[in-house]
Amino acid sequence: MNDAAPLDADELMNLSDRIERLPPDDAEWVGRLFAECLRARMHEAELLAGQMDDAQDAGHDIESQLAQVALDTAEWLKTLWNVGYMGAGNFPAQPRSAFPLVELEDVLKSSLFARIREGKRPLPFPPPTRQGSPWHDLIEKTEARYHVDAEVLRGEDGHAVGVLIEGDNGWQIAESVSDREYLVQHRGQGPLFRLQVDDFDAQLTREPPRWTRRIRLQERGGLRSFTLEWSKDETQTQAVPLRATHWERAESEASYWIAANHPQLYGQVSFERIDQTL
């Protein structure tokens, strides 16, 4: 038995039974002392409950403060956009127009803002949408299959000219495999997907990568560095430095570089790890 541990409810009830078996003179003062201990225990429980409520309120306050920071940042950017003044001693830029209006609901419900807060880089191009909402999972999950609402759009000659998937008309047909199977890509950017359509259902499955590029890990003077080898053509190879300290981050940075510089190939390239420090 741990004498320093608080007594639980069963142990307290056992003490109450033992007090009743004491001699009357002892039972009176021990009973009063026991009742006072119970009141102290209840007061402690109330204080702990209040602290938990305060912590939850503090969490809500932090969320509100973060939302306000985002709104203030949007207002600052809007001023820069419309007026051209940064308010930091810099030379003013030329005013622009049509800066998007950002409201509190936009901050709280924005999947892009949520991604940035999670430390994820936003894609340099818009992802597909699913019933009007950004569909990031479709782009990021390497092995994914979805049941979707899809409609193949055909021209006057009956040939497929496009496809509508989950209300998004930005899908393009890269290859017609058959009358019910197509390779599709969203606006010519990002991974390729295989769309299979029948009378009652449609499935969208991500295609595996078609190309492989090397990422090299080197160490010079005690400093480790990662480099992506990118083939410009059959005779030239570009060495792309990656800001990373481990393999997973290196592959993430390589994927982002491809998205920014070759968006039509994003999600279609796998990586071979070459460790030259061994």
Protein backbone atom coordinates (compact mmCIF):
# COMPACT_ATOMS: atom_id res chain seq x y z
CA MET A 1 0.00 0.00 0.00
CA ASN A 2 1.30 3.44 -0.99
CA ASP A 3 0.77 5.72 2.04
CA ALA A 4 1.42 8.84 -0.09
CA ALA A 5 -1.31 8.01 -2.63
CA PRO A 6 -4.76 9.63 -2.23
CA LEU A 7 -7.46 7.33 -0.86
CA ASP A 8 -10.05 6.19 -3.35
CA ALA A 9 -13.81 6.04 -2.74
CA ASP A 10 -13.79 2.41 -1.52
CA GLU A 11 -11.02 3.09 0.99
CA LEU A 12 -12.88 6.10 2.30
CA MET A 13 -16.03 4.01 2.81
CA ASN A 14 -13.99 1.38 4.68
CA LEU A 15 -12.70 4.10 7.03
CA SER A 16 -16.26 5.24 7.63
CA ASP A 17 -17.25 1.70 8.65
CA ARG A 18 -14.25 1.42 10.99
CA ILE A 19 -15.10 4.75 12.65
CA GLU A 20 -18.55 3.44 13.52
CA ARG A 21 -16.93 0.53 15.42
CA LEU A 22 -14.77 2.82 17.60
CA PRO A 23 -15.66 3.56 21.23
CA PRO A 24 -18.22 6.40 21.46
CA ASP A 25 -15.76 8.97 22.82
CA ASP A 26 -13.24 8.31 20.05
CA ALA A 27 -15.88 7.90 17.33
CA GLU A 28 -17.19 11.45 17.91
CA TRP A 29 -13.96 13.37 17.35
CA VAL A 30 -12.65 10.98 14.64
CA GLY A 31 -15.98 11.26 12.82
CA ARG A 32 -15.81 15.08 12.87
CA LEU A 33 -12.24 14.97 11.57
CA PHE A 34 -13.24 12.49 8.84
CA ALA A 35 -16.15 14.72 7.75
CA GLU A 36 -13.79 17.69 7.51
CA CYS A 37 -11.43 15.61 5.33
CA LEU A 38 -14.32 14.73 3.03
CA ARG A 39 -15.26 18.41 2.67
CA ALA A 40 -11.62 19.21 1.81
CA ARG A 41 -11.60 16.42 -0.78
CA MET A 42 -14.80 17.75 -2.40
CA HIS A 43 -13.40 21.28 -2.44
CA GLU A 44 -10.23 20.01 -4.11
CA ALA A 45 -12.32 18.26 -6.78
CA GLU A 46 -14.23 21.50 -7.45
CA LEU A 47 -10.96 23.42 -7.81
CA LEU A 48 -9.56 20.85 -10.26
CA ALA A 49 -12.76 20.97 -12.30
CA GLY A 50 -12.52 24.76 -12.41
CA GLN A 51 -8.91 24.55 -13.62
CA MET A 52 -9.95 22.21 -16.44
CA ASP A 53 -12.70 24.63 -17.46
CA ASP A 54 -10.19 27.49 -17.36
CA ALA A 55 -7.78 25.48 -19.54
CA GLN A 56 -10.52 24.82 -22.08
CA ASP A 57 -11.46 28.50 -22.06
CA ALA A 58 -7.78 29.38 -22.55
CA GLY A 59 -7.64 26.99 -25.52
CA HIS A 60 -10.65 28.73 -27.07
CA ASP A 61 -9.01 32.11 -26.41
CA ILE A 62 -5.83 30.97 -28.19
CA GLU A 63 -7.87 29.79 -31.19
CA SER A 64 -9.62 33.15 -31.28
CA GLN A 65 -6.30 34.97 -31.04
CA LEU A 66 -4.86 32.91 -33.91
CA ALA A 67 -7.92 33.64 -35.99
CA GLN A 68 -7.51 37.34 -35.23
CA VAL A 69 -3.84 37.19 -36.23
CA ALA A 70 -4.90 35.68 -39.55
CA LEU A 71 -7.50 38.42 -40.05
CA ASP A 72 -4.98 41.13 -39.17
CA THR A 73 -2.49 39.59 -41.62
CA ALA A 74 -5.14 39.55 -44.32
CA GLU A 75 -5.90 43.21 -43.62
CA TRP A 76 -2.18 44.04 -43.84
CA LEU A 77 -1.85 42.21 -47.16
CA LYS A 78 -5.02 43.86 -48.43
CA THR A 79 -3.57 47.28 -47.59
CA LEU A 80 -0.36 46.38 -49.40
CA TRP A 81 -2.38 45.13 -52.35
CA ASN A 82 -4.70 48.15 -52.58
CA VAL A 83 -2.51 50.99 -51.33
CA GLY A 84 1.03 49.73 -51.88
CA TYR A 85 2.21 50.64 -48.36
CA MET A 86 3.86 47.97 -46.20
CA GLY A 87 4.22 50.04 -43.04
CA ALA A 88 7.74 48.79 -42.37
CA GLY A 89 9.91 51.53 -43.81
CA ASN A 90 9.96 49.93 -47.26
CA PHE A 91 9.31 51.73 -50.50
CA PRO A 92 5.64 51.50 -51.42
CA ALA A 93 4.69 49.22 -54.29
CA GLN A 94 2.14 50.05 -56.93
CA PRO A 95 -1.46 49.50 -55.76
CA ARG A 96 -3.36 46.54 -57.18
CA SER A 97 -7.05 45.71 -57.24
CA ALA A 98 -9.56 42.93 -56.55
CA PHE A 99 -7.92 41.64 -53.36
CA PRO A 100 -10.17 38.83 -52.01
CA LEU A 101 -12.24 39.67 -48.94
CA VAL A 102 -11.25 37.47 -45.98
CA GLU A 103 -13.79 36.94 -43.22
CA LEU A 104 -13.55 35.06 -39.88
CA GLU A 105 -15.50 32.11 -41.33
CA ASP A 106 -12.95 31.87 -44.16
CA VAL A 107 -10.11 31.58 -41.62
CA LEU A 108 -11.86 28.98 -39.46
CA LYS A 109 -13.04 26.83 -42.38
CA SER A 110 -10.15 27.27 -44.82
CA SER A 111 -8.48 23.94 -45.57
CA LEU A 112 -5.51 25.85 -47.00
CA PHE A 113 -5.01 27.81 -43.78
CA ALA A 114 -5.34 24.58 -41.79
CA ARG A 115 -2.65 22.95 -43.94
CA ILE A 116 -0.29 25.88 -43.39
CA ARG A 117 -0.85 25.69 -39.61
CA GLU A 118 -0.01 21.97 -39.74
CA GLY A 119 3.34 22.83 -41.28
CA LYS A 120 2.43 21.54 -44.74
CA ARG A 121 3.41 23.49 -47.82
CA PRO A 122 0.50 24.61 -49.99
CA LEU A 123 0.58 23.23 -53.50
CA PRO A 124 1.66 25.77 -56.13
CA PHE A 125 -1.52 24.91 -58.05
CA PRO A 126 -5.13 24.42 -56.87
CA PRO A 127 -6.11 20.84 -56.05
CA PRO A 128 -9.27 19.25 -57.46
CA THR A 129 -12.50 19.92 -55.61
CA ARG A 130 -15.09 17.52 -54.28
CA GLN A 131 -18.53 19.05 -54.24
CA GLY A 132 -16.94 22.49 -54.03
CA SER A 133 -14.34 21.76 -51.29
CA PRO A 134 -10.58 21.34 -51.92
CA TRP A 135 -9.73 17.64 -52.28
CA HIS A 136 -6.17 17.48 -50.92
CA ASP A 137 -6.34 13.81 -49.92
CA LEU A 138 -6.77 12.78 -53.52
CA ILE A 139 -3.49 14.45 -54.46
CA GLU A 140 -1.48 13.47 -51.38
CA LYS A 141 -2.39 9.82 -50.81
CA THR A 142 -0.24 7.63 -53.04
CA GLU A 143 -2.55 4.62 -52.86
CA ALA A 144 -6.16 5.72 -52.96
CA ARG A 145 -9.36 4.50 -54.56
CA TYR A 146 -12.59 6.45 -54.36
CA HIS A 147 -16.16 5.80 -55.41
CA VAL A 148 -17.16 9.01 -57.17
CA ASP A 149 -19.95 10.70 -59.04
CA ALA A 150 -18.62 10.99 -62.58
CA GLU A 151 -19.99 11.86 -65.99
CA VAL A 152 -18.11 11.47 -69.24
CA LEU A 153 -18.69 14.40 -71.59
CA ARG A 154 -18.87 13.53 -75.26
CA GLY A 155 -18.73 15.56 -78.46
CA GLU A 156 -21.09 15.41 -81.40
CA ASP A 157 -19.15 12.46 -82.83
CA GLY A 158 -19.64 10.49 -79.60
CA HIS A 159 -15.99 10.61 -78.57
CA ALA A 160 -15.14 11.50 -74.97
CA VAL A 161 -13.86 15.08 -74.71
CA GLY A 162 -13.85 15.58 -70.94
CA VAL A 163 -15.15 14.31 -67.66
CA LEU A 164 -17.02 15.78 -64.69
CA ILE A 165 -15.94 14.27 -61.35
CA GLU A 166 -17.61 15.22 -58.06
CA GLY A 167 -18.90 18.43 -59.59
CA ASP A 168 -15.43 19.54 -60.80
CA ASN A 169 -15.23 20.21 -64.55
CA GLY A 170 -11.45 20.70 -64.55
CA TRP A 171 -10.66 17.06 -65.29
CA GLN A 172 -9.04 16.25 -68.64
CA ILE A 173 -8.78 12.92 -70.43
CA ALA A 174 -5.14 11.99 -70.98
CA GLU A 175 -5.90 8.62 -72.56
CA SER A 176 -9.03 6.64 -73.49
CA VAL A 177 -8.40 3.03 -72.51
CA SER A 178 -11.92 1.93 -73.49
CA ASP A 179 -15.46 3.32 -73.59
CA ARG A 180 -15.65 2.87 -69.82
CA GLU A 181 -12.06 3.41 -68.70
CA TYR A 182 -9.93 6.53 -68.95
CA LEU A 183 -6.69 8.01 -67.66
CA VAL A 184 -7.51 11.49 -66.36
CA GLN A 185 -5.60 14.43 -64.92
CA HIS A 186 -6.84 17.59 -63.27
CA ARG A 187 -6.17 20.64 -65.47
CA GLY A 188 -3.03 19.00 -66.86
CA GLN A 189 -1.34 19.08 -63.43
CA GLY A 190 -0.66 16.53 -60.73
CA PRO A 191 -1.01 12.74 -60.66
CA LEU A 192 -2.72 10.60 -63.27
CA PHE A 193 -5.84 8.69 -62.22
CA ARG A 194 -7.67 5.75 -63.74
CA LEU A 195 -11.40 6.39 -64.00
CA GLN A 196 -13.62 3.34 -64.44
CA VAL A 197 -17.28 4.06 -65.18
CA ASP A 198 -20.27 1.73 -65.37
CA ASP A 199 -24.03 2.25 -65.30
CA PHE A 200 -24.29 2.45 -61.51
CA ASP A 201 -20.87 3.40 -60.15
CA ALA A 202 -17.54 5.05 -60.94
CA GLN A 203 -14.14 4.47 -59.34
CA LEU A 204 -11.16 6.80 -59.34
CA THR A 205 -7.77 5.18 -58.65
CA ARG A 206 -4.40 6.88 -58.57
CA GLU A 207 -1.86 5.55 -61.06
CA PRO A 208 1.56 4.46 -59.75
CA PRO A 209 4.58 6.65 -60.63
CA ARG A 210 5.84 6.31 -64.19
CA TRP A 211 9.34 7.68 -63.67
CA THR A 212 12.12 7.39 -61.10
CA ARG A 213 14.66 10.05 -60.12
CA ARG A 214 17.61 9.77 -57.75
CA ILE A 215 18.13 11.66 -54.52
CA ARG A 216 21.74 11.62 -53.33
CA LEU A 217 22.91 12.05 -49.77
CA GLN A 218 26.48 13.35 -49.51
CA GLU A 219 28.67 14.43 -46.62
CA ARG A 220 31.49 16.95 -46.93
CA GLY A 221 33.35 18.49 -44.01
CA GLY A 222 30.84 17.03 -41.59
CA LEU A 223 27.88 18.59 -43.43
CA ARG A 224 25.20 16.37 -44.94
CA SER A 225 23.35 17.48 -48.06
CA PHE A 226 20.60 16.06 -50.25
CA THR A 227 20.45 16.59 -54.01
CA LEU A 228 17.80 15.67 -56.57
CA GLU A 229 19.10 14.52 -59.93
CA TRP A 230 16.71 15.81 -62.58
CA SER A 231 17.17 14.86 -66.24
CA LYS A 232 16.65 17.85 -68.50
CA ASP A 233 17.07 15.74 -71.61
CA GLU A 234 19.02 12.69 -72.73
CA THR A 235 22.37 14.44 -72.28
CA GLN A 236 21.88 16.95 -69.43
CA THR A 237 21.17 16.39 -65.75
CA GLN A 238 20.30 19.16 -63.30
CA ALA A 239 21.41 18.88 -59.66
CA VAL A 240 18.71 20.39 -57.44
CA PRO A 241 19.78 21.09 -53.80
CA LEU A 242 17.14 20.09 -51.25
CA ARG A 243 16.72 21.79 -47.87
CA ALA A 244 16.42 18.70 -45.70
CA THR A 245 18.05 16.89 -42.80
CA HIS A 246 16.50 13.44 -43.36
CA TRP A 247 15.23 11.32 -46.23
CA GLU A 248 11.50 11.89 -45.71
CA ARG A 249 11.93 15.67 -45.79
CA ALA A 250 14.23 15.37 -48.83
CA GLU A 251 11.55 13.47 -50.74
CA SER A 252 8.93 16.00 -49.66
CA GLU A 253 11.13 18.89 -50.88
CA ALA A 254 11.81 17.06 -54.16
CA SER A 255 8.08 16.57 -54.70
CA TYR A 256 7.43 20.24 -54.03
CA TRP A 257 10.17 21.25 -56.48
CA ILE A 258 8.55 19.09 -59.15
CA ALA A 259 5.13 20.60 -58.37
CA ALA A 260 6.53 24.12 -58.75
CA ASN A 261 8.67 23.53 -61.84
CA HIS A 262 7.03 20.59 -63.62
CA PRO A 263 3.43 20.48 -62.32
CA GLN A 264 2.37 18.15 -65.15
CA LEU A 265 4.66 15.47 -63.62
CA TYR A 266 3.83 15.98 -59.94
CA GLY A 267 2.84 12.72 -58.29
CA GLN A 268 4.18 10.67 -61.20
CA VAL A 269 7.81 10.43 -60.03
CA SER A 270 9.20 8.05 -57.42
CA PHE A 271 12.62 8.48 -55.80
CA GLU A 272 15.63 6.23 -55.49
CA ARG A 273 17.77 6.88 -52.41
CA ILE A 274 21.51 6.95 -53.03
CA ASP A 275 23.46 7.19 -49.76
CA GLN A 276 27.07 8.14 -50.50
CA THR A 277 27.99 8.47 -46.82
CA LEU A 278 28.18 4.70 -46.30
